[in-house]
PDB file of N, CA and C in Angstrom:
ATOM      1  N   UNK A   1       0.856  -1.179   0.000  1.00  0.00           N
ATOM      2  CA  UNK A   1       0.000   0.000   0.000  1.00  0.00           C
ATOM      3  C   UNK A   1       0.896   1.234   0.000  1.00  0.00           C
ATOM      4  N   UNK A   2       0.575   2.166  -0.869  1.00  0.00           N
ATOM      5  CA  UNK A   2       1.303   3.420  -0.934  1.00  0.00           C
ATOM      6  C   UNK A   2       0.332   4.576  -0.834  1.00  0.00           C
ATOM      7  N   UNK A   3       0.855   5.784  -0.803  1.00  0.00           N
ATOM      8  CA  UNK A   3      -0.037   6.937  -0.733  1.00  0.00           C
ATOM      9  C   UNK A   3       0.403   8.018  -1.702  1.00  0.00           C
ATOM     10  N   UNK A   4      -0.592   8.773  -2.144  1.00  0.00           N
ATOM     11  CA  UNK A   4      -0.383   9.929  -3.002  1.00  0.00           C
ATOM     12  C   UNK A   4      -0.968  11.120  -2.251  1.00  0.00           C
ATOM     13  N   UNK A   5      -0.170  12.163  -2.066  1.00  0.00           N
ATOM     14  CA  UNK A   5      -0.619  13.335  -1.306  1.00  0.00           C
ATOM     15  C   UNK A   5      -0.550  14.594  -2.150  1.00  0.00           C
ATOM     16  N   UNK A   6      -1.591  15.389  -2.050  1.00  0.00           N
ATOM     17  CA  UNK A   6      -1.616  16.733  -2.625  1.00  0.00           C
ATOM     18  C   UNK A   6      -1.741  17.686  -1.449  1.00  0.00           C
ATOM     19  N   UNK A   7      -0.746  18.519  -1.258  1.00  0.00           N
ATOM     20  CA  UNK A   7      -0.711  19.393  -0.087  1.00  0.00           C
ATOM     21  C   UNK A   7      -0.859  20.853  -0.489  1.00  0.00           C
ATOM     22  N   UNK A   8      -1.655  21.540   0.303  1.00  0.00           N
ATOM     23  CA  UNK A   8      -1.800  22.987   0.158  1.00  0.00           C
ATOM     24  C   UNK A   8      -2.374  23.394  -1.202  1.00  0.00           C
ATOM     25  N   UNK A   9      -3.450  22.723  -1.609  1.00  0.00           N
ATOM     26  CA  UNK A   9      -4.187  23.141  -2.807  1.00  0.00           C
ATOM     27  C   UNK A   9      -4.942  24.413  -2.411  1.00  0.00           C
ATOM     28  N   UNK A  10      -4.617  25.513  -3.045  1.00  0.00           N
ATOM     29  CA  UNK A  10      -5.235  26.790  -2.692  1.00  0.00           C
ATOM     30  C   UNK A  10      -6.355  27.119  -3.676  1.00  0.00           C
ATOM     31  N   UNK A  11      -7.506  27.478  -3.099  1.00  0.00           N
ATOM     32  CA  UNK A  11      -8.701  27.738  -3.898  1.00  0.00           C
ATOM     33  C   UNK A  11      -9.428  28.949  -3.309  1.00  0.00           C
ATOM     34  N   UNK A  12      -9.983  29.766  -4.168  1.00  0.00           N
ATOM     35  CA  UNK A  12     -10.890  30.828  -3.723  1.00  0.00           C
ATOM     36  C   UNK A  12     -12.291  30.317  -3.997  1.00  0.00           C
ATOM     37  N   UNK A  13     -13.147  30.299  -2.961  1.00  0.00           N
ATOM     38  CA  UNK A  13     -14.474  29.707  -3.121  1.00  0.00           C
ATOM     39  C   UNK A  13     -15.497  30.450  -2.266  1.00  0.00           C
ATOM     40  N   UNK A  14     -16.739  30.010  -2.361  1.00  0.00           N
ATOM     41  CA  UNK A  14     -17.874  30.726  -1.777  1.00  0.00           C
ATOM     42  C   UNK A  14     -18.689  29.825  -0.853  1.00  0.00           C
ATOM     43  N   UNK A  15     -18.063  29.318   0.192  1.00  0.00           N
ATOM     44  CA  UNK A  15     -18.741  28.449   1.149  1.00  0.00           C
ATOM     45  C   UNK A  15     -19.030  29.212   2.430  1.00  0.00           C
ATOM     46  N   UNK A  16     -20.108  28.823   3.111  1.00  0.00           N
ATOM     47  CA  UNK A  16     -20.400  29.411   4.413  1.00  0.00           C
ATOM     48  C   UNK A  16     -21.885  29.563   4.647  1.00  0.00           C
ATOM     49  N   UNK A  17     -22.220  29.743   5.909  1.00  0.00           N
ATOM     50  CA  UNK A  17     -23.615  29.906   6.311  1.00  0.00           C
ATOM     51  C   UNK A  17     -24.071  31.362   6.239  1.00  0.00           C
ATOM     52  N   UNK A  18     -23.126  32.286   6.268  1.00  0.00           N
ATOM     53  CA  UNK A  18     -23.472  33.707   6.190  1.00  0.00           C
ATOM     54  C   UNK A  18     -23.636  34.132   4.733  1.00  0.00           C
ATOM     55  N   UNK A  19     -24.633  34.964   4.483  1.00  0.00           N
ATOM     56  CA  UNK A  19     -24.895  35.427   3.115  1.00  0.00           C
ATOM     57  C   UNK A  19     -23.671  36.121   2.519  1.00  0.00           C
ATOM     58  N   UNK A  20     -22.946  36.874   3.357  1.00  0.00           N
ATOM     59  CA  UNK A  20     -21.765  37.590   2.869  1.00  0.00           C
ATOM     60  C   UNK A  20     -20.701  36.630   2.342  1.00  0.00           C
ATOM     61  N   UNK A  21     -20.585  35.465   2.989  1.00  0.00           N
ATOM     62  CA  UNK A  21     -19.563  34.497   2.575  1.00  0.00           C
ATOM     63  C   UNK A  21     -19.816  33.984   1.162  1.00  0.00           C
ATOM     64  N   UNK A  22     -21.088  33.829   0.819  1.00  0.00           N
ATOM     65  CA  UNK A  22     -21.412  33.322  -0.516  1.00  0.00           C
ATOM     66  C   UNK A  22     -21.299  34.415  -1.582  1.00  0.00           C
ATOM     67  N   UNK A  23     -21.261  35.675  -1.152  1.00  0.00           N
ATOM     68  CA  UNK A  23     -21.089  36.786  -2.093  1.00  0.00           C
ATOM     69  C   UNK A  23     -19.629  37.199  -2.241  1.00  0.00           C
ATOM     70  N   UNK A  24     -18.941  37.302  -1.113  1.00  0.00           N
ATOM     71  CA  UNK A  24     -17.564  37.797  -1.108  1.00  0.00           C
ATOM     72  C   UNK A  24     -16.558  36.682  -1.370  1.00  0.00           C
ATOM     73  N   UNK A  25     -16.803  35.514  -0.784  1.00  0.00           N
ATOM     74  CA  UNK A  25     -15.882  34.392  -0.923  1.00  0.00           C
ATOM     75  C   UNK A  25     -14.720  34.479   0.048  1.00  0.00           C
ATOM     76  N   UNK A  26     -13.921  33.415   0.061  1.00  0.00           N
ATOM     77  CA  UNK A  26     -12.776  33.312   0.971  1.00  0.00           C
ATOM     78  C   UNK A  26     -11.700  32.442   0.345  1.00  0.00           C
ATOM     79  N   UNK A  27     -10.537  32.510   0.957  1.00  0.00           N
ATOM     80  CA  UNK A  27      -9.446  31.616   0.580  1.00  0.00           C
ATOM     81  C   UNK A  27      -9.583  30.308   1.350  1.00  0.00           C
ATOM     82  N   UNK A  28      -9.314  29.215   0.657  1.00  0.00           N
ATOM     83  CA  UNK A  28      -9.383  27.877   1.252  1.00  0.00           C
ATOM     84  C   UNK A  28      -8.115  27.113   0.926  1.00  0.00           C
ATOM     85  N   UNK A  29      -7.820  26.144   1.782  1.00  0.00           N
ATOM     86  CA  UNK A  29      -6.692  25.243   1.546  1.00  0.00           C
ATOM     87  C   UNK A  29      -7.200  23.817   1.704  1.00  0.00           C
ATOM     88  N   UNK A  30      -6.846  22.961   0.752  1.00  0.00           N
ATOM     89  CA  UNK A  30      -7.232  21.548   0.801  1.00  0.00           C
ATOM     90  C   UNK A  30      -5.968  20.699   0.789  1.00  0.00           C
ATOM     91  N   UNK A  31      -5.920  19.738   1.699  1.00  0.00           N
ATOM     92  CA  UNK A  31      -4.877  18.709   1.711  1.00  0.00           C
ATOM     93  C   UNK A  31      -5.579  17.381   1.486  1.00  0.00           C
ATOM     94  N   UNK A  32      -5.101  16.620   0.521  1.00  0.00           N
ATOM     95  CA  UNK A  32      -5.732  15.347   0.167  1.00  0.00           C
ATOM     96  C   UNK A  32      -4.671  14.259   0.097  1.00  0.00           C
ATOM     97  N   UNK A  33      -4.909  13.169   0.818  1.00  0.00           N
ATOM     98  CA  UNK A  33      -4.037  11.997   0.746  1.00  0.00           C
ATOM     99  C   UNK A  33      -4.900  10.786   0.450  1.00  0.00           C
ATOM    100  N   UNK A  34      -4.466   9.990  -0.515  1.00  0.00           N
ATOM    101  CA  UNK A  34      -5.165   8.745  -0.842  1.00  0.00           C
ATOM    102  C   UNK A  34      -4.185   7.592  -0.733  1.00  0.00           C
ATOM    103  N   UNK A  35      -4.697   6.460  -0.289  1.00  0.00           N
ATOM    104  CA  UNK A  35      -3.900   5.243  -0.196  1.00  0.00           C
ATOM    105  C   UNK A  35      -4.404   4.257  -1.235  1.00  0.00           C
ATOM    106  N   UNK A  36      -3.464   3.597  -1.900  1.00  0.00           N
ATOM    107  CA  UNK A  36      -3.800   2.630  -2.949  1.00  0.00           C
ATOM    108  C   UNK A  36      -2.643   1.650  -3.094  1.00  0.00           C
ATOM    109  N   UNK A  37      -2.918   0.546  -3.760  1.00  0.00           N
ATOM    110  CA  UNK A  37      -1.857  -0.401  -4.080  1.00  0.00           C
ATOM    111  C   UNK A  37      -1.080   0.173  -5.266  1.00  0.00           C
ATOM    112  N   UNK A  38       0.146   0.604  -5.011  1.00  0.00           N
ATOM    113  CA  UNK A  38       0.967   1.225  -6.049  1.00  0.00           C
ATOM    114  C   UNK A  38       2.024   0.280  -6.605  1.00  0.00           C
ATOM    115  N   UNK A  39       1.942  -0.982  -6.221  1.00  0.00           N
ATOM    116  CA  UNK A  39       2.949  -1.975  -6.627  1.00  0.00           C
ATOM    117  C   UNK A  39       3.117  -2.034  -8.146  1.00  0.00           C
ATOM    118  N   UNK A  40       1.985  -2.126  -8.863  1.00  0.00           N
ATOM    119  CA  UNK A  40       2.058  -2.266 -10.316  1.00  0.00           C
ATOM    120  C   UNK A  40       2.748  -1.062 -10.961  1.00  0.00           C
ATOM    121  N   UNK A  41       2.410   0.131 -10.503  1.00  0.00           N
ATOM    122  CA  UNK A  41       2.999   1.336 -11.111  1.00  0.00           C
ATOM    123  C   UNK A  41       4.481   1.489 -10.783  1.00  0.00           C
ATOM    124  N   UNK A  42       4.921   0.940  -9.652  1.00  0.00           N
ATOM    125  CA  UNK A  42       6.352   1.007  -9.331  1.00  0.00           C
ATOM    126  C   UNK A  42       7.175   0.183 -10.309  1.00  0.00           C
ATOM    127  N   UNK A  43       6.540  -0.820 -10.904  1.00  0.00           N
ATOM    128  CA  UNK A  43       7.231  -1.687 -11.858  1.00  0.00           C
ATOM    129  C   UNK A  43       7.017  -1.259 -13.306  1.00  0.00           C
ATOM    130  N   UNK A  44       5.797  -0.792 -13.616  1.00  0.00           N
ATOM    131  CA  UNK A  44       5.454  -0.507 -15.016  1.00  0.00           C
ATOM    132  C   UNK A  44       5.864   0.890 -15.486  1.00  0.00           C
ATOM    133  N   UNK A  45       5.926   1.855 -14.566  1.00  0.00           N
ATOM    134  CA  UNK A  45       6.197   3.246 -14.920  1.00  0.00           C
ATOM    135  C   UNK A  45       5.126   3.787 -15.866  1.00  0.00           C
ATOM    136  N   UNK A  46       3.879   3.333 -15.659  1.00  0.00           N
ATOM    137  CA  UNK A  46       2.759   3.686 -16.530  1.00  0.00           C
ATOM    138  C   UNK A  46       1.689   4.420 -15.715  1.00  0.00           C
ATOM    139  N   UNK A  47       1.274   5.582 -16.186  1.00  0.00           N
ATOM    140  CA  UNK A  47       0.262   6.383 -15.508  1.00  0.00           C
ATOM    141  C   UNK A  47      -1.043   5.618 -15.304  1.00  0.00           C
ATOM    142  N   UNK A  48      -1.377   4.741 -16.234  1.00  0.00           N
ATOM    143  CA  UNK A  48      -2.611   3.950 -16.136  1.00  0.00           C
ATOM    144  C   UNK A  48      -2.626   3.039 -14.907  1.00  0.00           C
ATOM    145  N   UNK A  49      -1.448   2.754 -14.349  1.00  0.00           N
ATOM    146  CA  UNK A  49      -1.338   1.809 -13.236  1.00  0.00           C
ATOM    147  C   UNK A  49      -1.262   2.481 -11.870  1.00  0.00           C
ATOM    148  N   UNK A  50      -1.513   3.780 -11.826  1.00  0.00           N
ATOM    149  CA  UNK A  50      -1.399   4.489 -10.553  1.00  0.00           C
ATOM    150  C   UNK A  50      -2.609   5.385 -10.332  1.00  0.00           C
ATOM    151  N   UNK A  51      -2.570   6.163  -9.273  1.00  0.00           N
ATOM    152  CA  UNK A  51      -3.599   7.164  -9.006  1.00  0.00           C
ATOM    153  C   UNK A  51      -3.079   8.486  -9.569  1.00  0.00           C
ATOM    154  N   UNK A  52      -3.795   9.023 -10.527  1.00  0.00           N
ATOM    155  CA  UNK A  52      -3.378  10.233 -11.240  1.00  0.00           C
ATOM    156  C   UNK A  52      -3.648  11.468 -10.379  1.00  0.00           C
ATOM    157  N   UNK A  53      -2.600  12.122  -9.920  1.00  0.00           N
ATOM    158  CA  UNK A  53      -2.797  13.282  -9.051  1.00  0.00           C
ATOM    159  C   UNK A  53      -3.352  14.483  -9.803  1.00  0.00           C
ATOM    160  N   UNK A  54      -3.227  14.507 -11.114  1.00  0.00           N
ATOM    161  CA  UNK A  54      -3.867  15.562 -11.904  1.00  0.00           C
ATOM    162  C   UNK A  54      -5.386  15.424 -11.800  1.00  0.00           C
ATOM    163  N   UNK A  55      -5.880  14.185 -11.864  1.00  0.00           N
ATOM    164  CA  UNK A  55      -7.308  13.918 -11.685  1.00  0.00           C
ATOM    165  C   UNK A  55      -7.755  14.337 -10.287  1.00  0.00           C
ATOM    166  N   UNK A  56      -6.984  13.984  -9.268  1.00  0.00           N
ATOM    167  CA  UNK A  56      -7.347  14.335  -7.891  1.00  0.00           C
ATOM    168  C   UNK A  56      -7.450  15.849  -7.727  1.00  0.00           C
ATOM    169  N   UNK A  57      -6.492  16.570  -8.265  1.00  0.00           N
ATOM    170  CA  UNK A  57      -6.511  18.030  -8.183  1.00  0.00           C
ATOM    171  C   UNK A  57      -7.732  18.605  -8.899  1.00  0.00           C
ATOM    172  N   UNK A  58      -8.067  18.056 -10.054  1.00  0.00           N
ATOM    173  CA  UNK A  58      -9.236  18.525 -10.808  1.00  0.00           C
ATOM    174  C   UNK A  58     -10.521  18.294 -10.018  1.00  0.00           C
ATOM    175  N   UNK A  59     -10.628  17.145  -9.354  1.00  0.00           N
ATOM    176  CA  UNK A  59     -11.813  16.849  -8.541  1.00  0.00           C
ATOM    177  C   UNK A  59     -11.939  17.865  -7.413  1.00  0.00           C
ATOM    178  N   UNK A  60     -10.849  18.140  -6.735  1.00  0.00           N
ATOM    179  CA  UNK A  60     -10.875  19.124  -5.645  1.00  0.00           C
ATOM    180  C   UNK A  60     -11.343  20.475  -6.167  1.00  0.00           C
ATOM    181  N   UNK A  61     -10.784  20.939  -7.263  1.00  0.00           N
ATOM    182  CA  UNK A  61     -11.153  22.249  -7.811  1.00  0.00           C
ATOM    183  C   UNK A  61     -12.619  22.288  -8.245  1.00  0.00           C
ATOM    184  N   UNK A  62     -13.090  21.216  -8.882  1.00  0.00           N
ATOM    185  CA  UNK A  62     -14.494  21.156  -9.321  1.00  0.00           C
ATOM    186  C   UNK A  62     -15.442  21.244  -8.138  1.00  0.00           C
ATOM    187  N   UNK A  63     -15.198  20.451  -7.118  1.00  0.00           N
ATOM    188  CA  UNK A  63     -16.112  20.411  -5.976  1.00  0.00           C
ATOM    189  C   UNK A  63     -16.014  21.664  -5.111  1.00  0.00           C
ATOM    190  N   UNK A  64     -14.833  22.250  -5.020  1.00  0.00           N
ATOM    191  CA  UNK A  64     -14.693  23.495  -4.256  1.00  0.00           C
ATOM    192  C   UNK A  64     -15.418  24.646  -4.948  1.00  0.00           C
ATOM    193  N   UNK A  65     -15.640  24.546  -6.248  1.00  0.00           N
ATOM    194  CA  UNK A  65     -16.337  25.589  -7.004  1.00  0.00           C
ATOM    195  C   UNK A  65     -17.845  25.572  -6.782  1.00  0.00           C
ATOM    196  N   UNK A  66     -18.367  24.500  -6.175  1.00  0.00           N
ATOM    197  CA  UNK A  66     -19.803  24.381  -5.906  1.00  0.00           C
ATOM    198  C   UNK A  66     -20.057  24.866  -4.477  1.00  0.00           C
ATOM    199  N   UNK A  67     -20.762  25.993  -4.303  1.00  0.00           N
ATOM    200  CA  UNK A  67     -20.971  26.538  -2.959  1.00  0.00           C
ATOM    201  C   UNK A  67     -21.730  25.579  -2.039  1.00  0.00           C
ATOM    202  N   UNK A  68     -21.293  25.544  -0.792  1.00  0.00           N
ATOM    203  CA  UNK A  68     -21.949  24.768   0.262  1.00  0.00           C
ATOM    204  C   UNK A  68     -21.927  25.586   1.539  1.00  0.00           C
ATOM    205  N   UNK A  69     -22.858  25.303   2.420  1.00  0.00           N
ATOM    206  CA  UNK A  69     -22.862  25.976   3.714  1.00  0.00           C
ATOM    207  C   UNK A  69     -21.754  25.437   4.610  1.00  0.00           C
ATOM    208  N   UNK A  70     -21.526  24.124   4.555  1.00  0.00           N
ATOM    209  CA  UNK A  70     -20.604  23.475   5.485  1.00  0.00           C
ATOM    210  C   UNK A  70     -19.383  22.895   4.781  1.00  0.00           C
ATOM    211  N   UNK A  71     -18.227  23.048   5.413  1.00  0.00           N
ATOM    212  CA  UNK A  71     -17.001  22.442   4.890  1.00  0.00           C
ATOM    213  C   UNK A  71     -17.106  20.921   4.884  1.00  0.00           C
ATOM    214  N   UNK A  72     -17.833  20.371   5.851  1.00  0.00           N
ATOM    215  CA  UNK A  72     -18.037  18.927   5.911  1.00  0.00           C
ATOM    216  C   UNK A  72     -18.684  18.407   4.630  1.00  0.00           C
ATOM    217  N   UNK A  73     -19.646  19.173   4.136  1.00  0.00           N
ATOM    218  CA  UNK A  73     -20.373  18.785   2.926  1.00  0.00           C
ATOM    219  C   UNK A  73     -19.452  18.797   1.709  1.00  0.00           C
ATOM    220  N   UNK A  74     -18.633  19.827   1.613  1.00  0.00           N
ATOM    221  CA  UNK A  74     -17.680  19.920   0.500  1.00  0.00           C
ATOM    222  C   UNK A  74     -16.692  18.760   0.558  1.00  0.00           C
ATOM    223  N   UNK A  75     -16.150  18.498   1.750  1.00  0.00           N
ATOM    224  CA  UNK A  75     -15.175  17.413   1.916  1.00  0.00           C
ATOM    225  C   UNK A  75     -15.779  16.069   1.523  1.00  0.00           C
ATOM    226  N   UNK A  76     -17.014  15.816   1.940  1.00  0.00           N
ATOM    227  CA  UNK A  76     -17.671  14.541   1.622  1.00  0.00           C
ATOM    228  C   UNK A  76     -17.893  14.404   0.120  1.00  0.00           C
ATOM    229  N   UNK A  77     -18.274  15.490  -0.549  1.00  0.00           N
ATOM    230  CA  UNK A  77     -18.453  15.429  -2.004  1.00  0.00           C
ATOM    231  C   UNK A  77     -17.145  15.067  -2.693  1.00  0.00           C
ATOM    232  N   UNK A  78     -16.052  15.619  -2.226  1.00  0.00           N
ATOM    233  CA  UNK A  78     -14.745  15.300  -2.804  1.00  0.00           C
ATOM    234  C   UNK A  78     -14.423  13.830  -2.587  1.00  0.00           C
ATOM    235  N   UNK A  79     -14.648  13.325  -1.380  1.00  0.00           N
ATOM    236  CA  UNK A  79     -14.397  11.909  -1.069  1.00  0.00           C
ATOM    237  C   UNK A  79     -15.196  11.007  -2.002  1.00  0.00           C
ATOM    238  N   UNK A  80     -16.472  11.274  -2.136  1.00  0.00           N
ATOM    239  CA  UNK A  80     -17.346  10.447  -2.978  1.00  0.00           C
ATOM    240  C   UNK A  80     -16.869  10.461  -4.429  1.00  0.00           C
ATOM    241  N   UNK A  81     -16.526  11.635  -4.932  1.00  0.00           N
ATOM    242  CA  UNK A  81     -16.097  11.736  -6.330  1.00  0.00           C
ATOM    243  C   UNK A  81     -14.767  11.027  -6.563  1.00  0.00           C
ATOM    244  N   UNK A  82     -13.834  11.135  -5.611  1.00  0.00           N
ATOM    245  CA  UNK A  82     -12.555  10.429  -5.760  1.00  0.00           C
ATOM    246  C   UNK A  82     -12.799   8.930  -5.807  1.00  0.00           C
ATOM    247  N   UNK A  83     -13.616   8.406  -4.903  1.00  0.00           N
ATOM    248  CA  UNK A  83     -13.911   6.973  -4.930  1.00  0.00           C
ATOM    249  C   UNK A  83     -14.577   6.572  -6.246  1.00  0.00           C
ATOM    250  N   UNK A  84     -15.427   7.428  -6.799  1.00  0.00           N
ATOM    251  CA  UNK A  84     -16.105   7.109  -8.058  1.00  0.00           C
ATOM    252  C   UNK A  84     -15.181   7.176  -9.274  1.00  0.00           C
ATOM    253  N   UNK A  85     -14.204   8.073  -9.255  1.00  0.00           N
ATOM    254  CA  UNK A  85     -13.355   8.294 -10.434  1.00  0.00           C
ATOM    255  C   UNK A  85     -12.002   7.582 -10.378  1.00  0.00           C
ATOM    256  N   UNK A  86     -11.568   7.188  -9.186  1.00  0.00           N
ATOM    257  CA  UNK A  86     -10.247   6.561  -9.035  1.00  0.00           C
ATOM    258  C   UNK A  86     -10.417   5.204  -8.356  1.00  0.00           C
ATOM    259  N   UNK A  87     -10.604   4.177  -9.174  1.00  0.00           N
ATOM    260  CA  UNK A  87     -10.933   2.841  -8.670  1.00  0.00           C
ATOM    261  C   UNK A  87      -9.870   2.247  -7.751  1.00  0.00           C
ATOM    262  N   UNK A  88      -8.627   2.640  -7.911  1.00  0.00           N
ATOM    263  CA  UNK A  88      -7.542   2.059  -7.111  1.00  0.00           C
ATOM    264  C   UNK A  88      -7.505   2.586  -5.677  1.00  0.00           C
ATOM    265  N   UNK A  89      -8.168   3.696  -5.418  1.00  0.00           N
ATOM    266  CA  UNK A  89      -8.099   4.323  -4.092  1.00  0.00           C
ATOM    267  C   UNK A  89      -8.873   3.491  -3.074  1.00  0.00           C
ATOM    268  N   UNK A  90      -8.185   3.148  -1.971  1.00  0.00           N
ATOM    269  CA  UNK A  90      -8.787   2.346  -0.906  1.00  0.00           C
ATOM    270  C   UNK A  90      -9.153   3.179   0.319  1.00  0.00           C
ATOM    271  N   UNK A  91      -8.430   4.261   0.543  1.00  0.00           N
ATOM    272  CA  UNK A  91      -8.609   5.084   1.739  1.00  0.00           C
ATOM    273  C   UNK A  91      -8.292   6.529   1.383  1.00  0.00           C
ATOM    274  N   UNK A  92      -9.059   7.446   1.970  1.00  0.00           N
ATOM    275  CA  UNK A  92      -8.874   8.875   1.712  1.00  0.00           C
ATOM    276  C   UNK A  92      -8.838   9.631   3.033  1.00  0.00           C
ATOM    277  N   UNK A  93      -7.936  10.591   3.108  1.00  0.00           N
ATOM    278  CA  UNK A  93      -7.944  11.574   4.197  1.00  0.00           C
ATOM    279  C   UNK A  93      -7.925  12.945   3.546  1.00  0.00           C
ATOM    280  N   UNK A  94      -8.878  13.788   3.947  1.00  0.00           N
ATOM    281  CA  UNK A  94      -8.972  15.126   3.368  1.00  0.00           C
ATOM    282  C   UNK A  94      -9.153  16.153   4.468  1.00  0.00           C
ATOM    283  N   UNK A  95      -8.498  17.284   4.289  1.00  0.00           N
ATOM    284  CA  UNK A  95      -8.679  18.437   5.163  1.00  0.00           C
ATOM    285  C   UNK A  95      -9.087  19.611   4.284  1.00  0.00           C
ATOM    286  N   UNK A  96     -10.204  20.241   4.640  1.00  0.00           N
ATOM    287  CA  UNK A  96     -10.655  21.448   3.951  1.00  0.00           C
ATOM    288  C   UNK A  96     -10.620  22.574   4.981  1.00  0.00           C
ATOM    289  N   UNK A  97      -9.815  23.591   4.715  1.00  0.00           N
ATOM    290  CA  UNK A  97      -9.627  24.681   5.671  1.00  0.00           C
ATOM    291  C   UNK A  97     -10.052  26.014   5.074  1.00  0.00           C
ATOM    292  N   UNK A  98     -10.784  26.789   5.871  1.00  0.00           N
ATOM    293  CA  UNK A  98     -11.120  28.166   5.505  1.00  0.00           C
ATOM    294  C   UNK A  98     -10.085  29.065   6.179  1.00  0.00           C
ATOM    295  N   UNK A  99      -9.397  29.854   5.369  1.00  0.00           N
ATOM    296  CA  UNK A  99      -8.355  30.740   5.870  1.00  0.00           C
ATOM    297  C   UNK A  99      -8.992  32.033   6.400  1.00  0.00           C
ATOM    298  N   UNK A 100      -8.570  32.458   7.582  1.00  0.00           N
ATOM    299  CA  UNK A 100      -9.059  33.693   8.195  1.00  0.00           C
ATOM    300  C   UNK A 100     -10.591  33.757   8.211  1.00  0.00           C
ATOM    301  N   UNK A 101     -11.244  32.811   8.889  1.00  0.00           N
ATOM    302  CA  UNK A 101     -12.706  32.744   8.890  1.00  0.00           C
ATOM    303  C   UNK A 101     -13.329  33.924   9.646  1.00  0.00           C
ATOM    304  N   UNK A 102     -14.542  34.329   9.240  1.00  0.00           N
ATOM    305  CA  UNK A 102     -15.208  35.463   9.889  1.00  0.00           C
ATOM    306  C   UNK A 102     -15.905  35.035  11.183  1.00  0.00           C
ATOM    307  N   UNK A 103     -15.120  34.724  12.217  1.00  0.00           N
ATOM    308  CA  UNK A 103     -15.718  34.238  13.470  1.00  0.00           C
ATOM    309  C   UNK A 103     -15.413  35.150  14.659  1.00  0.00           C
ATOM    310  N   UNK A 104     -15.009  36.373  14.386  1.00  0.00           N
ATOM    311  CA  UNK A 104     -14.839  37.344  15.454  1.00  0.00           C
ATOM    312  C   UNK A 104     -13.638  37.104  16.350  1.00  0.00           C
ATOM    313  N   UNK A 105     -12.554  36.659  15.785  1.00  0.00           N
ATOM    314  CA  UNK A 105     -11.342  36.459  16.567  1.00  0.00           C
ATOM    315  C   UNK A 105     -10.140  36.353  15.652  1.00  0.00           C
ATOM    316  N   UNK A 106      -8.980  36.255  16.262  1.00  0.00           N
ATOM    317  CA  UNK A 106      -7.747  36.119  15.492  1.00  0.00           C
ATOM    318  C   UNK A 106      -7.482  34.631  15.266  1.00  0.00           C
ATOM    319  N   UNK A 107      -8.139  34.073  14.270  1.00  0.00           N
ATOM    320  CA  UNK A 107      -8.046  32.645  13.965  1.00  0.00           C
ATOM    321  C   UNK A 107      -7.460  32.498  12.567  1.00  0.00           C
ATOM    322  N   UNK A 108      -6.350  31.799  12.471  1.00  0.00           N
ATOM    323  CA  UNK A 108      -5.689  31.629  11.171  1.00  0.00           C
ATOM    324  C   UNK A 108      -6.570  30.847  10.202  1.00  0.00           C
ATOM    325  N   UNK A 109      -7.150  29.752  10.681  1.00  0.00           N
ATOM    326  CA  UNK A 109      -8.005  28.928   9.819  1.00  0.00           C
ATOM    327  C   UNK A 109      -8.862  28.003  10.665  1.00  0.00           C
ATOM    328  N   UNK A 110      -9.949  27.557  10.078  1.00  0.00           N
ATOM    329  CA  UNK A 110     -10.742  26.462  10.636  1.00  0.00           C
ATOM    330  C   UNK A 110     -10.714  25.352   9.598  1.00  0.00           C
ATOM    331  N   UNK A 111     -10.681  24.113  10.066  1.00  0.00           N
ATOM    332  CA  UNK A 111     -10.572  22.994   9.122  1.00  0.00           C
ATOM    333  C   UNK A 111     -11.462  21.841   9.547  1.00  0.00           C
ATOM    334  N   UNK A 112     -11.929  21.127   8.552  1.00  0.00           N
ATOM    335  CA  UNK A 112     -12.659  19.876   8.741  1.00  0.00           C
ATOM    336  C   UNK A 112     -11.809  18.782   8.126  1.00  0.00           C
ATOM    337  N   UNK A 113     -11.654  17.679   8.849  1.00  0.00           N
ATOM    338  CA  UNK A 113     -10.863  16.548   8.368  1.00  0.00           C
ATOM    339  C   UNK A 113     -11.753  15.311   8.329  1.00  0.00           C
ATOM    340  N   UNK A 114     -11.778  14.644   7.183  1.00  0.00           N
ATOM    341  CA  UNK A 114     -12.486  13.369   7.038  1.00  0.00           C
ATOM    342  C   UNK A 114     -11.483  12.300   6.638  1.00  0.00           C
ATOM    343  N   UNK A 115     -11.703  11.086   7.136  1.00  0.00           N
ATOM    344  CA  UNK A 115     -10.891   9.936   6.731  1.00  0.00           C
ATOM    345  C   UNK A 115     -11.861   8.791   6.492  1.00  0.00           C
ATOM    346  N   UNK A 116     -11.880   8.277   5.261  1.00  0.00           N
ATOM    347  CA  UNK A 116     -12.855   7.242   4.901  1.00  0.00           C
ATOM    348  C   UNK A 116     -12.225   6.132   4.086  1.00  0.00           C
ATOM    349  N   UNK A 117     -12.692   4.905   4.374  1.00  0.00           N
ATOM    350  CA  UNK A 117     -12.309   3.725   3.593  1.00  0.00           C
ATOM    351  C   UNK A 117     -13.350   3.487   2.519  1.00  0.00           C
ATOM    352  N   UNK A 118     -12.913   2.900   1.429  1.00  0.00           N
ATOM    353  CA  UNK A 118     -13.856   2.508   0.381  1.00  0.00           C
ATOM    354  C   UNK A 118     -14.797   1.452   0.956  1.00  0.00           C
ATOM    355  N   UNK A 119     -16.074   1.593   0.670  1.00  0.00           N
ATOM    356  CA  UNK A 119     -17.076   0.641   1.193  1.00  0.00           C
ATOM    357  C   UNK A 119     -16.985  -0.698   0.501  1.00  0.00           C
TER     358      UNK A 119
END
């Protein structure tokens, strides 16, 4: 079992429960790690035999572009889409963070982390 990680994917998006958040938007950071059997790709040197991180990045960007009230909802959509599009993925860990959230304090970011196995 090996892992493929995409760290610090930066996205500007429109998530949140406040009306202003969906109009103004915010900066977000996504970290995504997937675990899969990478044995075949270590021998073949063929993209078809591994988890394509270009695909993973595209999924993150697509789902982050769809407004949601909750970061949990966005993270779950990304998890579901990765499992649907990347058959080799057995386990996913994702963190979706809102940078400088409007919560009335000096908070660098708030983040939701999900870790799920393929059913």
